[in-house]
C-alpha atoms as a PDB file:
ATOM      1  CA  UNK A   1     -43.565  53.920  14.355  1.00  0.00           C
ATOM      2  CA  UNK A   2     -42.733  57.580  15.860  1.00  0.00           C
ATOM      3  CA  UNK A   3     -39.477  56.953  17.900  1.00  0.00           C
ATOM      4  CA  UNK A   4     -38.759  53.302  18.425  1.00  0.00           C
ATOM      5  CA  UNK A   5     -37.475  51.086  15.689  1.00  0.00           C
ATOM      6  CA  UNK A   6     -38.365  48.045  14.575  1.00  0.00           C
ATOM      7  CA  UNK A   7     -35.746  46.274  16.462  1.00  0.00           C
ATOM      8  CA  UNK A   8     -36.980  48.105  19.775  1.00  0.00           C
ATOM      9  CA  UNK A   9     -40.500  46.818  19.057  1.00  0.00           C
ATOM     10  CA  UNK A  10     -39.137  43.281  18.505  1.00  0.00           C
ATOM     11  CA  UNK A  11     -37.412  43.522  21.573  1.00  0.00           C
ATOM     12  CA  UNK A  12     -40.848  45.047  23.531  1.00  0.00           C
ATOM     13  CA  UNK A  13     -42.824  42.367  21.939  1.00  0.00           C
ATOM     14  CA  UNK A  14     -40.453  39.262  22.685  1.00  0.00           C
ATOM     15  CA  UNK A  15     -38.953  40.211  25.904  1.00  0.00           C
ATOM     16  CA  UNK A  16     -41.930  42.601  27.502  1.00  0.00           C
ATOM     17  CA  UNK A  17     -39.364  45.707  27.792  1.00  0.00           C
ATOM     18  CA  UNK A  18     -37.382  47.965  25.740  1.00  0.00           C
ATOM     19  CA  UNK A  19     -34.266  49.987  26.752  1.00  0.00           C
ATOM     20  CA  UNK A  20     -32.588  51.924  26.773  1.00  0.00           C
ATOM     21  CA  UNK A  21     -34.421  55.029  25.295  1.00  0.00           C
ATOM     22  CA  UNK A  22     -33.486  58.478  25.291  1.00  0.00           C
ATOM     23  CA  UNK A  23     -36.066  60.870  26.970  1.00  0.00           C
ATOM     24  CA  UNK A  24     -34.488  63.715  28.889  1.00  0.00           C
ATOM     25  CA  UNK A  25     -31.257  65.617  28.540  1.00  0.00           C
ATOM     26  CA  UNK A  26     -28.674  65.732  31.552  1.00  0.00           C
ATOM     27  CA  UNK A  27     -29.975  69.495  32.229  1.00  0.00           C
ATOM     28  CA  UNK A  28     -33.609  68.280  32.143  1.00  0.00           C
ATOM     29  CA  UNK A  29     -32.814  65.425  34.535  1.00  0.00           C
ATOM     30  CA  UNK A  30     -30.866  67.623  36.845  1.00  0.00           C
ATOM     31  CA  UNK A  31     -33.958  69.764  37.045  1.00  0.00           C
ATOM     32  CA  UNK A  32     -36.048  67.001  38.304  1.00  0.00           C
ATOM     33  CA  UNK A  33     -33.558  66.269  40.634  1.00  0.00           C
ATOM     34  CA  UNK A  34     -33.067  69.854  41.806  1.00  0.00           C
ATOM     35  CA  UNK A  35     -37.084  70.070  42.082  1.00  0.00           C
ATOM     36  CA  UNK A  36     -37.082  66.991  44.571  1.00  0.00           C
ATOM     37  CA  UNK A  37     -34.359  68.570  46.660  1.00  0.00           C
ATOM     38  CA  UNK A  38     -36.082  71.805  46.903  1.00  0.00           C
ATOM     39  CA  UNK A  39     -39.277  70.028  47.934  1.00  0.00           C
ATOM     40  CA  UNK A  40     -37.576  68.022  50.396  1.00  0.00           C
ATOM     41  CA  UNK A  41     -36.008  70.969  52.134  1.00  0.00           C
ATOM     42  CA  UNK A  42     -39.079  73.148  52.076  1.00  0.00           C
ATOM     43  CA  UNK A  43     -41.863  70.595  52.593  1.00  0.00           C
ATOM     44  CA  UNK A  44     -40.072  67.778  54.352  1.00  0.00           C
ATOM     45  CA  UNK A  45     -42.961  65.187  54.855  1.00  0.00           C
ATOM     46  CA  UNK A  46     -44.394  65.598  51.063  1.00  0.00           C
ATOM     47  CA  UNK A  47     -42.675  62.921  49.493  1.00  0.00           C
ATOM     48  CA  UNK A  48     -42.640  60.447  52.141  1.00  0.00           C
ATOM     49  CA  UNK A  49     -44.314  57.271  52.192  1.00  0.00           C
ATOM     50  CA  UNK A  50     -47.787  57.744  49.975  1.00  0.00           C
ATOM     51  CA  UNK A  51     -46.643  61.166  49.319  1.00  0.00           C
ATOM     52  CA  UNK A  52     -44.104  59.924  46.656  1.00  0.00           C
ATOM     53  CA  UNK A  53     -47.077  58.924  44.245  1.00  0.00           C
ATOM     54  CA  UNK A  54     -48.751  61.369  41.850  1.00  0.00           C
ATOM     55  CA  UNK A  55     -46.273  64.046  41.996  1.00  0.00           C
ATOM     56  CA  UNK A  56     -46.849  64.830  38.905  1.00  0.00           C
ATOM     57  CA  UNK A  57     -49.768  66.852  40.507  1.00  0.00           C
ATOM     58  CA  UNK A  58     -47.863  69.448  43.017  1.00  0.00           C
ATOM     59  CA  UNK A  59     -45.073  70.241  40.568  1.00  0.00           C
ATOM     60  CA  UNK A  60     -44.854  71.630  36.900  1.00  0.00           C
ATOM     61  CA  UNK A  61     -41.348  70.182  36.564  1.00  0.00           C
ATOM     62  CA  UNK A  62     -42.624  66.954  37.600  1.00  0.00           C
ATOM     63  CA  UNK A  63     -45.779  67.355  35.329  1.00  0.00           C
ATOM     64  CA  UNK A  64     -43.598  68.546  32.123  1.00  0.00           C
ATOM     65  CA  UNK A  65     -41.605  64.982  32.153  1.00  0.00           C
ATOM     66  CA  UNK A  66     -45.219  63.033  32.045  1.00  0.00           C
ATOM     67  CA  UNK A  67     -45.812  65.037  28.994  1.00  0.00           C
ATOM     68  CA  UNK A  68     -42.372  65.234  27.468  1.00  0.00           C
ATOM     69  CA  UNK A  69     -42.932  64.467  23.508  1.00  0.00           C
ATOM     70  CA  UNK A  70     -39.973  62.227  23.306  1.00  0.00           C
ATOM     71  CA  UNK A  71     -41.442  60.168  26.369  1.00  0.00           C
ATOM     72  CA  UNK A  72     -44.960  60.025  24.640  1.00  0.00           C
ATOM     73  CA  UNK A  73     -43.572  59.283  21.128  1.00  0.00           C
ATOM     74  CA  UNK A  74     -41.951  55.896  22.466  1.00  0.00           C
ATOM     75  CA  UNK A  75     -45.143  55.158  24.378  1.00  0.00           C
ATOM     76  CA  UNK A  76     -47.590  55.814  21.555  1.00  0.00           C
ATOM     77  CA  UNK A  77     -45.694  53.283  19.715  1.00  0.00           C
ATOM     78  CA  UNK A  78     -46.512  50.689  22.094  1.00  0.00           C
ATOM     79  CA  UNK A  79     -50.040  51.497  22.999  1.00  0.00           C
ATOM     80  CA  UNK A  80     -51.417  53.985  20.324  1.00  0.00           C
ATOM     81  CA  UNK A  81     -52.494  57.562  19.935  1.00  0.00           C
ATOM     82  CA  UNK A  82     -55.209  57.845  22.548  1.00  0.00           C
ATOM     83  CA  UNK A  83     -52.646  58.356  26.145  1.00  0.00           C
ATOM     84  CA  UNK A  84     -53.685  59.038  29.562  1.00  0.00           C
ATOM     85  CA  UNK A  85     -51.314  59.396  32.421  1.00  0.00           C
ATOM     86  CA  UNK A  86     -52.272  57.114  35.133  1.00  0.00           C
ATOM     87  CA  UNK A  87     -50.007  57.876  37.867  1.00  0.00           C
ATOM     88  CA  UNK A  88     -46.156  58.883  38.779  1.00  0.00           C
ATOM     89  CA  UNK A  89     -43.960  57.200  41.612  1.00  0.00           C
ATOM     90  CA  UNK A  90     -40.592  58.627  42.659  1.00  0.00           C
ATOM     91  CA  UNK A  91     -38.450  55.793  43.802  1.00  0.00           C
ATOM     92  CA  UNK A  92     -35.506  57.453  45.920  1.00  0.00           C
ATOM     93  CA  UNK A  93     -32.628  55.022  47.392  1.00  0.00           C
ATOM     94  CA  UNK A  94     -30.205  56.966  49.753  1.00  0.00           C
ATOM     95  CA  UNK A  95     -26.808  55.073  50.230  1.00  0.00           C
ATOM     96  CA  UNK A  96     -27.116  54.722  53.851  1.00  0.00           C
ATOM     97  CA  UNK A  97     -30.606  52.964  53.710  1.00  0.00           C
ATOM     98  CA  UNK A  98     -31.149  49.551  52.636  1.00  0.00           C
ATOM     99  CA  UNK A  99     -34.312  49.972  50.143  1.00  0.00           C
ATOM    100  CA  UNK A 100     -34.819  47.918  47.460  1.00  0.00           C
ATOM    101  CA  UNK A 101     -38.082  46.999  44.922  1.00  0.00           C
ATOM    102  CA  UNK A 102     -38.825  43.365  45.167  1.00  0.00           C
ATOM    103  CA  UNK A 103     -39.490  41.247  42.059  1.00  0.00           C
ATOM    104  CA  UNK A 104     -43.132  42.011  41.059  1.00  0.00           C
ATOM    105  CA  UNK A 105     -45.702  42.295  38.267  1.00  0.00           C
ATOM    106  CA  UNK A 106     -47.380  45.899  38.031  1.00  0.00           C
ATOM    107  CA  UNK A 107     -50.696  43.949  36.448  1.00  0.00           C
ATOM    108  CA  UNK A 108     -50.997  42.051  39.784  1.00  0.00           C
ATOM    109  CA  UNK A 109     -51.927  44.543  41.790  1.00  0.00           C
ATOM    110  CA  UNK A 110     -52.914  47.742  40.084  1.00  0.00           C
ATOM    111  CA  UNK A 111     -56.325  47.014  38.364  1.00  0.00           C
ATOM    112  CA  UNK A 112     -55.832  48.610  34.966  1.00  0.00           C
ATOM    113  CA  UNK A 113     -57.486  46.192  32.276  1.00  0.00           C
ATOM    114  CA  UNK A 114     -57.322  45.351  29.561  1.00  0.00           C
ATOM    115  CA  UNK A 115     -53.417  45.518  29.586  1.00  0.00           C
ATOM    116  CA  UNK A 116     -53.065  48.469  26.923  1.00  0.00           C
ATOM    117  CA  UNK A 117     -50.719  50.090  28.956  1.00  0.00           C
ATOM    118  CA  UNK A 118     -47.163  50.514  29.700  1.00  0.00           C
ATOM    119  CA  UNK A 119     -44.938  51.715  32.635  1.00  0.00           C
ATOM    120  CA  UNK A 120     -41.863  54.184  31.787  1.00  0.00           C
ATOM    121  CA  UNK A 121     -39.066  54.015  34.201  1.00  0.00           C
ATOM    122  CA  UNK A 122     -36.986  57.119  33.896  1.00  0.00           C
ATOM    123  CA  UNK A 123     -33.540  57.344  35.472  1.00  0.00           C
ATOM    124  CA  UNK A 124     -32.983  60.588  37.175  1.00  0.00           C
ATOM    125  CA  UNK A 125     -29.548  59.602  38.207  1.00  0.00           C
ATOM    126  CA  UNK A 126     -27.195  56.567  36.651  1.00  0.00           C
ATOM    127  CA  UNK A 127     -28.552  53.122  37.246  1.00  0.00           C
ATOM    128  CA  UNK A 128     -26.098  50.057  37.375  1.00  0.00           C
ATOM    129  CA  UNK A 129     -26.535  46.532  37.788  1.00  0.00           C
ATOM    130  CA  UNK A 130     -27.542  45.442  41.589  1.00  0.00           C
ATOM    131  CA  UNK A 131     -28.289  42.198  43.347  1.00  0.00           C
ATOM    132  CA  UNK A 132     -31.065  41.624  45.626  1.00  0.00           C
ATOM    133  CA  UNK A 133     -31.138  41.664  49.233  1.00  0.00           C
ATOM    134  CA  UNK A 134     -34.437  40.674  50.479  1.00  0.00           C
ATOM    135  CA  UNK A 135     -34.999  42.718  54.263  1.00  0.00           C
ATOM    136  CA  UNK A 136     -37.252  45.015  55.333  1.00  0.00           C
ATOM    137  CA  UNK A 137     -36.689  47.846  53.036  1.00  0.00           C
ATOM    138  CA  UNK A 138     -38.940  46.916  50.069  1.00  0.00           C
ATOM    139  CA  UNK A 139     -40.099  50.023  48.596  1.00  0.00           C
ATOM    140  CA  UNK A 140     -43.343  48.758  46.938  1.00  0.00           C
ATOM    141  CA  UNK A 141     -46.328  49.907  49.061  1.00  0.00           C
ATOM    142  CA  UNK A 142     -48.004  46.806  49.257  1.00  0.00           C
ATOM    143  CA  UNK A 143     -44.565  44.462  49.481  1.00  0.00           C
ATOM    144  CA  UNK A 144     -46.059  42.522  46.677  1.00  0.00           C
ATOM    145  CA  UNK A 145     -43.005  39.741  45.470  1.00  0.00           C
ATOM    146  CA  UNK A 146     -42.354  37.204  43.269  1.00  0.00           C
ATOM    147  CA  UNK A 147     -40.642  34.661  44.981  1.00  0.00           C
ATOM    148  CA  UNK A 148     -37.608  32.323  44.100  1.00  0.00           C
ATOM    149  CA  UNK A 149     -36.879  34.588  40.822  1.00  0.00           C
ATOM    150  CA  UNK A 150     -33.539  32.945  39.248  1.00  0.00           C
ATOM    151  CA  UNK A 151     -31.323  35.962  39.559  1.00  0.00           C
ATOM    152  CA  UNK A 152     -28.869  34.322  36.821  1.00  0.00           C
ATOM    153  CA  UNK A 153     -31.813  34.227  34.141  1.00  0.00           C
ATOM    154  CA  UNK A 154     -32.797  37.691  34.768  1.00  0.00           C
ATOM    155  CA  UNK A 155     -31.526  40.919  32.350  1.00  0.00           C
ATOM    156  CA  UNK A 156     -30.013  43.897  34.025  1.00  0.00           C
ATOM    157  CA  UNK A 157     -31.214  47.078  32.824  1.00  0.00           C
ATOM    158  CA  UNK A 158     -28.586  49.731  33.024  1.00  0.00           C
ATOM    159  CA  UNK A 159     -29.722  53.276  32.214  1.00  0.00           C
ATOM    160  CA  UNK A 160     -27.830  56.764  32.270  1.00  0.00           C
ATOM    161  CA  UNK A 161     -29.614  59.930  33.877  1.00  0.00           C
ATOM    162  CA  UNK A 162     -32.128  60.681  31.109  1.00  0.00           C
ATOM    163  CA  UNK A 163     -32.788  57.482  29.974  1.00  0.00           C
ATOM    164  CA  UNK A 164     -35.880  55.180  30.401  1.00  0.00           C
ATOM    165  CA  UNK A 165     -37.062  51.775  30.032  1.00  0.00           C
ATOM    166  CA  UNK A 166     -40.858  50.728  29.252  1.00  0.00           C
ATOM    167  CA  UNK A 167     -42.182  47.605  30.643  1.00  0.00           C
ATOM    168  CA  UNK A 168     -45.224  45.957  30.037  1.00  0.00           C
ATOM    169  CA  UNK A 169     -47.821  45.184  32.928  1.00  0.00           C
ATOM    170  CA  UNK A 170     -46.851  41.593  33.194  1.00  0.00           C
ATOM    171  CA  UNK A 171     -43.150  41.512  32.902  1.00  0.00           C
ATOM    172  CA  UNK A 172     -41.692  40.497  36.362  1.00  0.00           C
ATOM    173  CA  UNK A 173     -38.945  43.034  37.404  1.00  0.00           C
ATOM    174  CA  UNK A 174     -37.308  45.063  40.531  1.00  0.00           C
ATOM    175  CA  UNK A 175     -34.020  46.547  41.674  1.00  0.00           C
ATOM    176  CA  UNK A 176     -31.634  45.905  44.380  1.00  0.00           C
ATOM    177  CA  UNK A 177     -30.163  48.115  46.975  1.00  0.00           C
ATOM    178  CA  UNK A 178     -28.125  51.125  46.463  1.00  0.00           C
ATOM    179  CA  UNK A 179     -24.637  49.883  47.214  1.00  0.00           C
ATOM    180  CA  UNK A 180     -22.839  53.055  45.777  1.00  0.00           C
ATOM    181  CA  UNK A 181     -22.129  56.325  47.595  1.00  0.00           C
ATOM    182  CA  UNK A 182     -24.517  58.516  45.667  1.00  0.00           C
ATOM    183  CA  UNK A 183     -28.372  58.878  45.763  1.00  0.00           C
ATOM    184  CA  UNK A 184     -30.299  56.920  43.233  1.00  0.00           C
ATOM    185  CA  UNK A 185     -33.759  58.373  41.874  1.00  0.00           C
ATOM    186  CA  UNK A 186     -36.224  56.717  39.559  1.00  0.00           C
ATOM    187  CA  UNK A 187     -39.081  58.609  38.324  1.00  0.00           C
ATOM    188  CA  UNK A 188     -41.517  56.295  37.222  1.00  0.00           C
ATOM    189  CA  UNK A 189     -44.659  56.796  35.367  1.00  0.00           C
ATOM    190  CA  UNK A 190     -47.034  54.140  36.260  1.00  0.00           C
ATOM    191  CA  UNK A 191     -48.369  53.830  34.307  1.00  0.00           C
ATOM    192  CA  UNK A 192     -49.355  55.361  30.674  1.00  0.00           C
ATOM    193  CA  UNK A 193     -52.742  53.959  29.817  1.00  0.00           C
ATOM    194  CA  UNK A 194     -54.877  53.502  26.580  1.00  0.00           C
ATOM    195  CA  UNK A 195     -58.475  55.327  26.774  1.00  0.00           C
ATOM    196  CA  UNK A 196     -59.899  51.945  26.548  1.00  0.00           C
ATOM    197  CA  UNK A 197     -58.517  50.948  29.824  1.00  0.00           C
ATOM    198  CA  UNK A 198     -60.591  50.733  32.843  1.00  0.00           C
ATOM    199  CA  UNK A 199     -59.758  50.445  36.681  1.00  0.00           C
ATOM    200  CA  UNK A 200     -61.535  47.458  37.869  1.00  0.00           C
ATOM    201  CA  UNK A 201     -60.383  47.810  41.389  1.00  0.00           C
ATOM    202  CA  UNK A 202     -61.035  51.240  42.467  1.00  0.00           C
ATOM    203  CA  UNK A 203     -61.016  54.847  41.055  1.00  0.00           C
ATOM    204  CA  UNK A 204     -58.005  56.800  39.287  1.00  0.00           C
ATOM    205  CA  UNK A 205     -57.311  60.383  38.459  1.00  0.00           C
ATOM    206  CA  UNK A 206     -55.903  60.873  35.146  1.00  0.00           C
ATOM    207  CA  UNK A 207     -54.516  63.627  32.612  1.00  0.00           C
ATOM    208  CA  UNK A 208     -54.978  63.619  28.785  1.00  0.00           C
ATOM    209  CA  UNK A 209     -51.594  63.008  27.340  1.00  0.00           C
ATOM    210  CA  UNK A 210     -52.341  62.712  23.773  1.00  0.00           C
ATOM    211  CA  UNK A 211     -55.508  62.293  21.336  1.00  0.00           C
ATOM    212  CA  UNK A 212     -59.016  62.084  23.103  1.00  0.00           C
ATOM    213  CA  UNK A 213     -60.715  60.051  25.327  1.00  0.00           C
ATOM    214  CA  UNK A 214     -63.817  58.672  23.917  1.00  0.00           C
ATOM    215  CA  UNK A 215     -64.724  56.133  26.915  1.00  0.00           C
ATOM    216  CA  UNK A 216     -64.303  58.844  29.740  1.00  0.00           C
ATOM    217  CA  UNK A 217     -64.289  55.851  32.452  1.00  0.00           C
ATOM    218  CA  UNK A 218     -61.658  58.252  34.772  1.00  0.00           C
ATOM    219  CA  UNK A 219     -61.888  61.576  36.254  1.00  0.00           C
ATOM    220  CA  UNK A 220     -59.617  64.182  34.298  1.00  0.00           C
ATOM    221  CA  UNK A 221     -57.667  66.612  36.165  1.00  0.00           C
ATOM    222  CA  UNK A 222     -55.820  69.701  35.039  1.00  0.00           C
ATOM    223  CA  UNK A 223     -51.918  70.325  34.949  1.00  0.00           C
ATOM    224  CA  UNK A 224     -50.046  72.252  37.901  1.00  0.00           C
ATOM    225  CA  UNK A 225     -48.984  75.876  37.122  1.00  0.00           C
ATOM    226  CA  UNK A 226     -46.697  76.477  40.375  1.00  0.00           C
ATOM    227  CA  UNK A 227     -45.194  74.019  42.663  1.00  0.00           C
ATOM    228  CA  UNK A 228     -47.290  73.137  45.999  1.00  0.00           C
ATOM    229  CA  UNK A 229     -50.364  75.086  45.306  1.00  0.00           C
ATOM    230  CA  UNK A 230     -52.980  73.965  47.826  1.00  0.00           C
ATOM    231  CA  UNK A 231     -55.414  73.029  44.990  1.00  0.00           C
ATOM    232  CA  UNK A 232     -52.869  70.869  43.266  1.00  0.00           C
ATOM    233  CA  UNK A 233     -51.996  69.211  46.793  1.00  0.00           C
ATOM    234  CA  UNK A 234     -55.769  68.610  47.174  1.00  0.00           C
ATOM    235  CA  UNK A 235     -55.879  66.661  44.145  1.00  0.00           C
ATOM    236  CA  UNK A 236     -52.840  64.736  44.694  1.00  0.00           C
ATOM    237  CA  UNK A 237     -54.171  63.872  47.968  1.00  0.00           C
ATOM    238  CA  UNK A 238     -57.685  62.658  46.665  1.00  0.00           C
ATOM    239  CA  UNK A 239     -55.736  60.587  44.120  1.00  0.00           C
ATOM    240  CA  UNK A 240     -53.409  59.094  46.465  1.00  0.00           C
ATOM    241  CA  UNK A 241     -56.107  58.209  49.069  1.00  0.00           C
ATOM    242  CA  UNK A 242     -57.753  56.425  45.808  1.00  0.00           C
ATOM    243  CA  UNK A 243     -54.718  54.806  44.823  1.00  0.00           C
ATOM    244  CA  UNK A 244     -54.336  53.602  48.577  1.00  0.00           C
ATOM    245  CA  UNK A 245     -57.338  51.807  48.377  1.00  0.00           C
ATOM    246  CA  UNK A 246     -56.133  49.981  45.128  1.00  0.00           C
ATOM    247  CA  UNK A 247     -52.915  48.905  46.623  1.00  0.00           C
ATOM    248  CA  UNK A 248     -54.412  47.684  49.939  1.00  0.00           C
ATOM    249  CA  UNK A 249     -57.281  45.946  48.494  1.00  0.00           C
ATOM    250  CA  UNK A 250     -57.580  42.610  50.247  1.00  0.00           C
ATOM    251  CA  UNK A 251     -54.704  43.303  52.781  1.00  0.00           C
ATOM    252  CA  UNK A 252     -54.871  43.919  56.402  1.00  0.00           C
ATOM    253  CA  UNK A 253     -51.803  45.637  57.343  1.00  0.00           C
ATOM    254  CA  UNK A 254     -50.489  48.614  55.272  1.00  0.00           C
ATOM    255  CA  UNK A 255     -46.706  48.581  54.037  1.00  0.00           C
ATOM    256  CA  UNK A 256     -44.005  50.948  55.583  1.00  0.00           C
ATOM    257  CA  UNK A 257     -43.759  52.882  52.056  1.00  0.00           C
END
């Protein structure tokens, strides 16, 4: 084991998640927050809707997060040494909006098989315990929802800025409305996949994070050097177009986000 303790490994095996894990410093978390605000100010439409996906292609600061050694050490303890970055998503909840993430299972709609992959949920700002309010503000692109989850039997995951959780693709999870007076930001690497993992619904673009890819199931891309370079925007757009086909597979109507 490179990072996780035997107790943490057991928690992941028994419960399907492990948290909190120290990942970024406060300064590093602030750097991500500042980059989000910079892009929102200079390119207001870029992080809207589907654009909040695969943001690691358009910014070296976002890219630096997905290749962070502390994060990768913990991921390696779960899925092994050969690691690909399969995608990223920003979840941003402003205090004046009723945005939430319904209970769902990543494995149900993402299309990665076998399940040798893990999602890293990284808090850029502090997160706290929330209850759900099922309205029209679901941040999940497809609106995928597990109905009638008994809230009293769920286990809250409270993270400070810079901490993260790792969760298995089959665990039910979600997050409620931001009832505070500050913005809530989560940076989600969805997901880190083993090189033996295929995309059985569509196509996915990847970066090599660790080890080597002996299977070559996916198209590899390079890492960005500068923020919002046209070449990298084009890669992000292609990746998001492919992702959209996966998310909306079998659906007639697209979601709001």
